[in-house]
C-alpha atoms as a PDB file:
ATOM      1  CA  MET A   1     -23.522  -5.901   6.610  1.00  0.00           C
ATOM      2  CA  LYS A   2     -22.809  -3.901   9.686  1.00  0.00           C
ATOM      3  CA  LYS A   3     -20.015  -1.455   9.044  1.00  0.00           C
ATOM      4  CA  LEU A   4     -16.982  -1.338  11.261  1.00  0.00           C
ATOM      5  CA  MET A   5     -16.699   2.307  12.147  1.00  0.00           C
ATOM      6  CA  VAL A   6     -12.948   2.237  12.500  1.00  0.00           C
ATOM      7  CA  ALA A   7     -10.501   4.383  10.558  1.00  0.00           C
ATOM      8  CA  CYS A   8      -6.893   3.630   9.830  1.00  0.00           C
ATOM      9  CA  LEU A   9      -3.914   4.275   7.602  1.00  0.00           C
ATOM     10  CA  LEU A  10      -1.907   2.030   5.361  1.00  0.00           C
ATOM     11  CA  ALA A  11      -0.222  -0.486   7.621  1.00  0.00           C
ATOM     12  CA  ALA A  12       1.799  -3.235   6.031  1.00  0.00           C
ATOM     13  CA  ALA A  13       1.640  -3.206   2.285  1.00  0.00           C
ATOM     14  CA  PRO A  14       2.549  -1.355  -0.868  1.00  0.00           C
ATOM     15  CA  PHE A  15      -0.914  -0.011  -1.400  1.00  0.00           C
ATOM     16  CA  ALA A  16      -2.065   2.650  -3.586  1.00  0.00           C
ATOM     17  CA  TRP A  17      -5.516   4.115  -3.781  1.00  0.00           C
ATOM     18  CA  SER A  18      -7.742   5.085  -6.618  1.00  0.00           C
ATOM     19  CA  ALA A  19      -9.408   8.458  -6.707  1.00  0.00           C
ATOM     20  CA  ASP A  20     -12.743   6.915  -5.727  1.00  0.00           C
ATOM     21  CA  VAL A  21     -11.467   4.494  -3.095  1.00  0.00           C
ATOM     22  CA  LYS A  22      -9.831   6.159  -0.118  1.00  0.00           C
ATOM     23  CA  PRO A  23      -9.257   5.036   3.476  1.00  0.00           C
ATOM     24  CA  ALA A  24     -10.658   7.160   6.235  1.00  0.00           C
ATOM     25  CA  ALA A  25      -8.188   9.230   8.185  1.00  0.00           C
ATOM     26  CA  GLY A  26      -7.654   8.711  11.858  1.00  0.00           C
ATOM     27  CA  ALA A  27      -6.828   5.847  14.161  1.00  0.00           C
ATOM     28  CA  ALA A  28      -3.885   3.469  14.151  1.00  0.00           C
ATOM     29  CA  PRO A  29      -3.924  -0.058  12.655  1.00  0.00           C
ATOM     30  CA  PHE A  30      -5.977  -2.554  14.646  1.00  0.00           C
ATOM     31  CA  ALA A  31      -6.953  -6.225  14.647  1.00  0.00           C
ATOM     32  CA  VAL A  32     -10.217  -7.983  13.838  1.00  0.00           C
ATOM     33  CA  THR A  33     -11.107 -11.436  15.208  1.00  0.00           C
ATOM     34  CA  GLY A  34     -14.028 -13.516  14.058  1.00  0.00           C
ATOM     35  CA  GLU A  35     -15.464 -16.784  12.775  1.00  0.00           C
ATOM     36  CA  VAL A  36     -15.087 -17.481   9.058  1.00  0.00           C
ATOM     37  CA  LEU A  37     -18.527 -17.724   7.459  1.00  0.00           C
ATOM     38  CA  GLU A  38     -17.434 -17.682   3.805  1.00  0.00           C
ATOM     39  CA  VAL A  39     -14.182 -17.958   1.836  1.00  0.00           C
ATOM     40  CA  GLN A  40     -13.536 -16.628  -1.662  1.00  0.00           C
ATOM     41  CA  ASN A  41     -10.114 -17.012  -3.278  1.00  0.00           C
ATOM     42  CA  VAL A  42      -8.802 -14.906  -6.139  1.00  0.00           C
ATOM     43  CA  GLU A  43      -5.328 -14.495  -7.552  1.00  0.00           C
ATOM     44  CA  MET A  44      -2.973 -13.638  -4.671  1.00  0.00           C
ATOM     45  CA  TYR A  45      -5.748 -12.939  -2.125  1.00  0.00           C
ATOM     46  CA  THR A  46      -8.272 -14.670   0.064  1.00  0.00           C
ATOM     47  CA  TYR A  47     -11.489 -12.851   0.985  1.00  0.00           C
ATOM     48  CA  LEU A  48     -13.165 -13.890   4.225  1.00  0.00           C
ATOM     49  CA  ARG A  49     -16.636 -13.086   5.506  1.00  0.00           C
ATOM     50  CA  LEU A  50     -16.287 -12.919   9.278  1.00  0.00           C
ATOM     51  CA  ARG A  51     -18.703 -12.905  12.181  1.00  0.00           C
ATOM     52  CA  THR A  52     -17.172 -10.575  14.773  1.00  0.00           C
ATOM     53  CA  ALA A  53     -18.343  -9.140  18.077  1.00  0.00           C
ATOM     54  CA  GLN A  54     -19.312  -5.975  16.187  1.00  0.00           C
ATOM     55  CA  GLY A  55     -21.225  -7.807  13.452  1.00  0.00           C
ATOM     56  CA  GLU A  56     -20.339  -9.300  10.081  1.00  0.00           C
ATOM     57  CA  THR A  57     -17.592  -7.881   7.902  1.00  0.00           C
ATOM     58  CA  TRP A  58     -15.488  -8.910   4.929  1.00  0.00           C
ATOM     59  CA  ALA A  59     -11.724  -9.126   5.241  1.00  0.00           C
ATOM     60  CA  ALA A  60      -8.991  -9.687   2.660  1.00  0.00           C
ATOM     61  CA  VAL A  61      -5.568 -11.222   3.296  1.00  0.00           C
ATOM     62  CA  PRO A  62      -2.734 -12.545   1.113  1.00  0.00           C
ATOM     63  CA  THR A  63      -3.630 -15.988  -0.261  1.00  0.00           C
ATOM     64  CA  ALA A  64      -4.070 -18.468   2.570  1.00  0.00           C
ATOM     65  CA  LYS A  65      -5.745 -21.797   3.220  1.00  0.00           C
ATOM     66  CA  VAL A  66      -8.624 -20.966   5.545  1.00  0.00           C
ATOM     67  CA  ASN A  67     -11.541 -23.234   6.347  1.00  0.00           C
ATOM     68  CA  LYS A  68     -15.113 -22.187   6.916  1.00  0.00           C
ATOM     69  CA  GLY A  69     -15.836 -22.201  10.643  1.00  0.00           C
ATOM     70  CA  ALA A  70     -12.257 -21.353  11.614  1.00  0.00           C
ATOM     71  CA  ARG A  71     -11.609 -18.522  14.029  1.00  0.00           C
ATOM     72  CA  VAL A  72      -9.029 -16.092  12.701  1.00  0.00           C
ATOM     73  CA  THR A  73      -7.476 -12.765  13.554  1.00  0.00           C
ATOM     74  CA  VAL A  74      -6.676 -10.213  10.860  1.00  0.00           C
ATOM     75  CA  GLU A  75      -3.820  -8.031  12.051  1.00  0.00           C
ATOM     76  CA  ASN A  76      -2.375  -4.732  10.797  1.00  0.00           C
ATOM     77  CA  ALA A  77      -5.916  -4.076   9.690  1.00  0.00           C
ATOM     78  CA  MET A  78      -7.285  -1.141   7.759  1.00  0.00           C
ATOM     79  CA  VAL A  79     -10.808  -0.409   6.593  1.00  0.00           C
ATOM     80  CA  MET A  80     -11.936   0.612   3.133  1.00  0.00           C
ATOM     81  CA  ASN A  81     -15.450   1.697   2.310  1.00  0.00           C
ATOM     82  CA  ASN A  82     -17.165   1.220  -1.052  1.00  0.00           C
ATOM     83  CA  PHE A  83     -14.316  -1.015  -2.178  1.00  0.00           C
ATOM     84  CA  GLN A  84     -14.470  -2.411  -5.711  1.00  0.00           C
ATOM     85  CA  SER A  85     -12.856  -5.803  -6.274  1.00  0.00           C
ATOM     86  CA  LYS A  86     -12.182  -6.294  -9.965  1.00  0.00           C
ATOM     87  CA  ALA A  87     -11.372  -9.966  -9.418  1.00  0.00           C
ATOM     88  CA  LEU A  88     -14.696 -10.695  -7.699  1.00  0.00           C
ATOM     89  CA  LYS A  89     -16.644  -8.161  -9.753  1.00  0.00           C
ATOM     90  CA  LYS A  90     -18.154  -6.965  -6.541  1.00  0.00           C
ATOM     91  CA  THR A  91     -18.301  -3.761  -4.513  1.00  0.00           C
ATOM     92  CA  PHE A  92     -18.067  -4.146  -0.741  1.00  0.00           C
ATOM     93  CA  ASP A  93     -19.728  -1.631   1.550  1.00  0.00           C
ATOM     94  CA  THR A  94     -16.857  -2.246   3.954  1.00  0.00           C
ATOM     95  CA  VAL A  95     -13.821  -4.511   3.751  1.00  0.00           C
ATOM     96  CA  VAL A  96     -10.915  -4.917   6.167  1.00  0.00           C
ATOM     97  CA  PHE A  97      -7.460  -5.456   4.684  1.00  0.00           C
ATOM     98  CA  GLY A  98      -4.615  -6.967   6.662  1.00  0.00           C
ATOM     99  CA  THR A  99      -2.680 -10.157   7.416  1.00  0.00           C
ATOM    100  CA  LEU A 100      -3.592 -13.348   9.192  1.00  0.00           C
ATOM    101  CA  GLY A 101      -2.262 -13.391  12.718  1.00  0.00           C
ATOM    102  CA  ASN A 102       0.367 -16.012  11.989  1.00  0.00           C
ATOM    103  CA  GLY A 103       3.279 -13.765  11.110  1.00  0.00           C
ATOM    104  CA  LYS A 104       2.842 -13.903   7.341  1.00  0.00           C
ATOM    105  CA  SER A 105       3.916 -10.716   5.664  1.00  0.00           C
ATOM    106  CA  ALA A 106       1.194  -8.708   4.063  1.00  0.00           C
ATOM    107  CA  ALA A 107       0.654  -7.663   0.572  1.00  0.00           C
ATOM    108  CA  ALA A 108      -1.826  -5.002  -0.185  1.00  0.00           C
ATOM    109  CA  PRO A 109      -5.176  -6.524  -0.907  1.00  0.00           C
ATOM    110  CA  GLY A 110      -6.356  -5.587  -4.285  1.00  0.00           C
ATOM    111  CA  ALA A 111      -8.696  -2.878  -5.005  1.00  0.00           C
ATOM    112  CA  VAL A 112      -8.375  -0.342  -7.242  1.00  0.00           C
ATOM    113  CA  ALA A 113      -6.801  -0.117  -3.926  1.00  0.00           C
ATOM    114  CA  GLN A 114      -4.794   2.416  -5.416  1.00  0.00           C
ATOM    115  CA  GLY A 115      -3.325   2.693  -3.305  1.00  0.00           C
ATOM    116  CA  PRO A 116      -1.089  -0.624  -1.602  1.00  0.00           C
ATOM    117  CA  ALA A 117      -1.340   0.758  -3.540  1.00  0.00           C
ATOM    118  CA  GLY A 118      -3.145   0.177  -4.924  1.00  0.00           C
ATOM    119  CA  PRO A 119      -3.184   2.385  -6.478  1.00  0.00           C
ATOM    120  CA  HIS A 120      -2.145   6.694  -6.057  1.00  0.00           C
ATOM    121  CA  ALA A 121       0.025   5.490  -3.231  1.00  0.00           C
ATOM    122  CA  MET A 122      -1.168   6.270   0.217  1.00  0.00           C
ATOM    123  CA  PRO A 123       2.037   6.821   2.201  1.00  0.00           C
ATOM    124  CA  PRO A 124       2.546   5.705   5.777  1.00  0.00           C
ATOM    125  CA  LYS A 125       1.873   8.266   8.453  1.00  0.00           C
ATOM    126  CA  ALA A 126       5.095   9.684   9.808  1.00  0.00           C
ATOM    127  CA  ALA A 127       5.731   9.491  13.527  1.00  0.00           C
ATOM    128  CA  GLU A 128       7.926  12.579  13.234  1.00  0.00           C
ATOM    129  CA  PRO A 129       8.448  15.361  10.684  1.00  0.00           C
ATOM    130  CA  ASP A 130       9.912  14.231   7.376  1.00  0.00           C
ATOM    131  CA  ALA A 131      13.689  14.369   7.239  1.00  0.00           C
ATOM    132  CA  LYS A 132      15.240  17.067   5.066  1.00  0.00           C
ATOM    133  CA  VAL A 133      17.350  15.143   2.574  1.00  0.00           C
ATOM    134  CA  PRO A 134      19.407  16.991  -0.068  1.00  0.00           C
ATOM    135  CA  LYS A 135      18.267  16.444  -3.640  1.00  0.00           C
ATOM    136  CA  ALA A 136      20.270  13.960  -5.685  1.00  0.00           C
ATOM    137  CA  THR A 137      22.729  15.402  -8.165  1.00  0.00           C
ATOM    138  CA  GLY A 138      23.277  14.506 -11.777  1.00  0.00           C
ATOM    139  CA  PRO A 139      21.128  13.940 -14.860  1.00  0.00           C
ATOM    140  CA  ASN A 140      17.458  13.201 -14.195  1.00  0.00           C
ATOM    141  CA  ALA A 141      17.705  14.142 -10.514  1.00  0.00           C
ATOM    142  CA  ARG A 142      14.280  14.890  -8.985  1.00  0.00           C
ATOM    143  CA  THR A 143      12.827  15.510  -5.575  1.00  0.00           C
ATOM    144  CA  VAL A 144      10.057  13.322  -4.200  1.00  0.00           C
ATOM    145  CA  ALA A 145       7.561  16.133  -4.726  1.00  0.00           C
ATOM    146  CA  GLU A 146       8.604  16.636  -8.360  1.00  0.00           C
ATOM    147  CA  ILE A 147       7.871  12.985  -9.084  1.00  0.00           C
ATOM    148  CA  ALA A 148       4.646  12.768  -7.070  1.00  0.00           C
ATOM    149  CA  ALA A 149       3.206  16.035  -8.397  1.00  0.00           C
ATOM    150  CA  ARG A 150       4.158  15.666 -12.071  1.00  0.00           C
ATOM    151  CA  PRO A 151       3.794  11.998 -12.998  1.00  0.00           C
ATOM    152  CA  ALA A 152       2.526  12.648 -16.510  1.00  0.00           C
ATOM    153  CA  ASP A 153       5.584  14.762 -17.358  1.00  0.00           C
ATOM    154  CA  LEU A 154       7.922  12.008 -16.176  1.00  0.00           C
ATOM    155  CA  LYS A 155       6.076   8.968 -17.518  1.00  0.00           C
ATOM    156  CA  ASP A 156       8.492   6.211 -18.601  1.00  0.00           C
ATOM    157  CA  LYS A 157      11.472   8.475 -17.992  1.00  0.00           C
ATOM    158  CA  PRO A 158      14.495   7.654 -15.822  1.00  0.00           C
ATOM    159  CA  VAL A 159      14.848   9.518 -12.547  1.00  0.00           C
ATOM    160  CA  LEU A 160      17.300   9.797  -9.708  1.00  0.00           C
ATOM    161  CA  VAL A 161      15.711  10.505  -6.317  1.00  0.00           C
ATOM    162  CA  ARG A 162      17.274  10.642  -2.868  1.00  0.00           C
ATOM    163  CA  GLY A 163      15.313  10.215   0.327  1.00  0.00           C
ATOM    164  CA  LYS A 164      14.795   8.510   3.650  1.00  0.00           C
ATOM    165  CA  VAL A 165      13.209   5.062   3.718  1.00  0.00           C
ATOM    166  CA  VAL A 166      10.061   5.409   5.829  1.00  0.00           C
ATOM    167  CA  LYS A 167       8.511   2.056   4.950  1.00  0.00           C
ATOM    168  CA  PHE A 168       9.848  -1.268   3.626  1.00  0.00           C
ATOM    169  CA  ASN A 169       7.996  -4.409   2.521  1.00  0.00           C
ATOM    170  CA  GLY A 170      10.096  -7.215   1.122  1.00  0.00           C
ATOM    171  CA  GLY A 171       9.405 -10.115  -1.202  1.00  0.00           C
ATOM    172  CA  ILE A 172       5.987  -9.093  -2.479  1.00  0.00           C
ATOM    173  CA  MET A 173       5.411 -10.123  -6.098  1.00  0.00           C
ATOM    174  CA  GLY A 174       9.154 -10.705  -6.414  1.00  0.00           C
ATOM    175  CA  LYS A 175      10.040  -7.141  -5.415  1.00  0.00           C
ATOM    176  CA  ASN A 176      10.869  -5.036  -2.410  1.00  0.00           C
ATOM    177  CA  TRP A 177       8.564  -2.041  -1.948  1.00  0.00           C
ATOM    178  CA  ILE A 178       9.804   1.091  -0.214  1.00  0.00           C
ATOM    179  CA  HIS A 179       8.446   4.556   0.478  1.00  0.00           C
ATOM    180  CA  LEU A 180      10.881   7.459   0.228  1.00  0.00           C
ATOM    181  CA  ARG A 181      10.559  10.967   1.662  1.00  0.00           C
ATOM    182  CA  ASP A 182      12.977  13.873   1.393  1.00  0.00           C
ATOM    183  CA  GLY A 183      11.112  16.680   3.137  1.00  0.00           C
ATOM    184  CA  SER A 184       9.642  18.062  -0.086  1.00  0.00           C
ATOM    185  CA  GLY A 185       5.964  18.101  -0.965  1.00  0.00           C
ATOM    186  CA  SER A 186       2.934  18.022   1.295  1.00  0.00           C
ATOM    187  CA  ALA A 187       1.094  15.290   3.164  1.00  0.00           C
ATOM    188  CA  LYS A 188      -2.193  17.017   2.290  1.00  0.00           C
ATOM    189  CA  ASP A 189      -1.940  16.001  -1.357  1.00  0.00           C
ATOM    190  CA  ASN A 190       0.412  13.013  -0.903  1.00  0.00           C
ATOM    191  CA  THR A 191       3.263  14.704  -2.768  1.00  0.00           C
ATOM    192  CA  ASN A 192       5.693  14.131   0.114  1.00  0.00           C
ATOM    193  CA  ASP A 193       6.057  10.391  -0.507  1.00  0.00           C
ATOM    194  CA  VAL A 194       7.013   8.219  -3.471  1.00  0.00           C
ATOM    195  CA  LEU A 195       6.749   4.448  -3.830  1.00  0.00           C
ATOM    196  CA  VAL A 196       9.784   2.621  -5.246  1.00  0.00           C
ATOM    197  CA  THR A 197      10.190  -1.040  -6.244  1.00  0.00           C
ATOM    198  CA  THR A 198      13.623  -2.621  -6.180  1.00  0.00           C
ATOM    199  CA  LYS A 199      15.521  -5.871  -5.753  1.00  0.00           C
ATOM    200  CA  ASP A 200      17.889  -4.207  -3.279  1.00  0.00           C
ATOM    201  CA  GLN A 201      17.650  -4.550   0.484  1.00  0.00           C
ATOM    202  CA  VAL A 202      17.395  -1.539   2.776  1.00  0.00           C
ATOM    203  CA  GLN A 203      16.052  -0.743   6.210  1.00  0.00           C
ATOM    204  CA  VAL A 204      13.645   1.880   7.474  1.00  0.00           C
ATOM    205  CA  GLY A 205      15.680   4.950   8.330  1.00  0.00           C
ATOM    206  CA  ASP A 206      18.299   4.463   5.597  1.00  0.00           C
ATOM    207  CA  ILE A 207      19.078   7.411   3.344  1.00  0.00           C
ATOM    208  CA  VAL A 208      19.305   6.086  -0.208  1.00  0.00           C
ATOM    209  CA  THR A 209      19.502   7.284  -3.779  1.00  0.00           C
ATOM    210  CA  ALA A 210      17.159   5.391  -6.098  1.00  0.00           C
ATOM    211  CA  LYS A 211      17.716   5.206  -9.845  1.00  0.00           C
ATOM    212  CA  GLY A 212      14.710   3.902 -11.715  1.00  0.00           C
ATOM    213  CA  VAL A 213      11.935   4.583 -14.199  1.00  0.00           C
ATOM    214  CA  VAL A 214       8.710   6.456 -13.490  1.00  0.00           C
ATOM    215  CA  ARG A 215       5.578   4.457 -14.230  1.00  0.00           C
ATOM    216  CA  VAL A 216       2.127   6.012 -14.338  1.00  0.00           C
ATOM    217  CA  ASP A 217      -1.223   4.289 -13.812  1.00  0.00           C
ATOM    218  CA  LYS A 218       0.567   0.974 -13.383  1.00  0.00           C
ATOM    219  CA  ASP A 219      -1.768  -2.015 -13.031  1.00  0.00           C
ATOM    220  CA  PHE A 220      -0.246  -5.190 -11.591  1.00  0.00           C
ATOM    221  CA  GLY A 221      -3.587  -6.980 -11.621  1.00  0.00           C
ATOM    222  CA  SER A 222      -5.699  -8.099  -8.673  1.00  0.00           C
ATOM    223  CA  GLY A 223      -6.376  -4.474  -7.896  1.00  0.00           C
ATOM    224  CA  TYR A 224      -2.772  -3.285  -7.660  1.00  0.00           C
ATOM    225  CA  THR A 225      -3.103  -0.037  -9.603  1.00  0.00           C
ATOM    226  CA  TYR A 226      -0.709   2.812  -8.913  1.00  0.00           C
ATOM    227  CA  LYS A 227      -0.983   6.411 -10.016  1.00  0.00           C
ATOM    228  CA  VAL A 228       2.784   6.840  -9.898  1.00  0.00           C
ATOM    229  CA  LEU A 229       5.774   4.839  -8.730  1.00  0.00           C
ATOM    230  CA  VAL A 230       9.440   4.373  -9.552  1.00  0.00           C
ATOM    231  CA  GLU A 231      10.184   0.865 -10.824  1.00  0.00           C
ATOM    232  CA  GLU A 232      13.245  -1.284 -11.513  1.00  0.00           C
ATOM    233  CA  ALA A 233      15.249   0.888  -9.158  1.00  0.00           C
ATOM    234  CA  THR A 234      18.786   0.324  -8.006  1.00  0.00           C
ATOM    235  CA  LEU A 235      19.676   1.820  -4.634  1.00  0.00           C
ATOM    236  CA  GLN A 236      22.828   3.381  -3.325  1.00  0.00           C
ATOM    237  CA  LYS A 237      23.381   4.497   0.261  1.00  0.00           C
END
């Protein structure tokens, strides 16, 4: 398989990445168009072998009905190298994750995509410096960095964290997935961003206080494995 030598960041899903599966740093999300040569369906995802202008590549999108021979475009695309699919029991030299170009919202394709998790969460790249948001007050109050840097100490414990919503993905696996930043931590070790799941609705740019429970090494199946996240959160603006 000819590798697509394109780098990108997490685009449209609650991914997290495992220690041995990491996206390359660099360019913005892109799109891949090609003819479908092979289709493999697993729980929640459809894997497609595509013939593109640059050669053959595998792509993964949220479950969709796709016929062999169809011409499709995978949008909001990101590349992962040496990607292990637990569901297929296969390691791909290169696989492109994204959404079909029909407006469907994306879920993070599974890998030990730790990720969009899957699973330690790879936060979205900020277009501007992280906002400085005052730490929440009260019992169990933590900064983003305290949660991201000390997951083992906080495992299964309640926390209160206040931050700016820098990414929102709704209705994936019955939850809304948001990334919070408060100006603490460092992008170099991903301690400046924490993934939160909630039933509440918010928008990118909102300043919210999330009350939830820290989960460590959470495996949702199909490759959704997260090093740390805050679950079952309720949000207050």
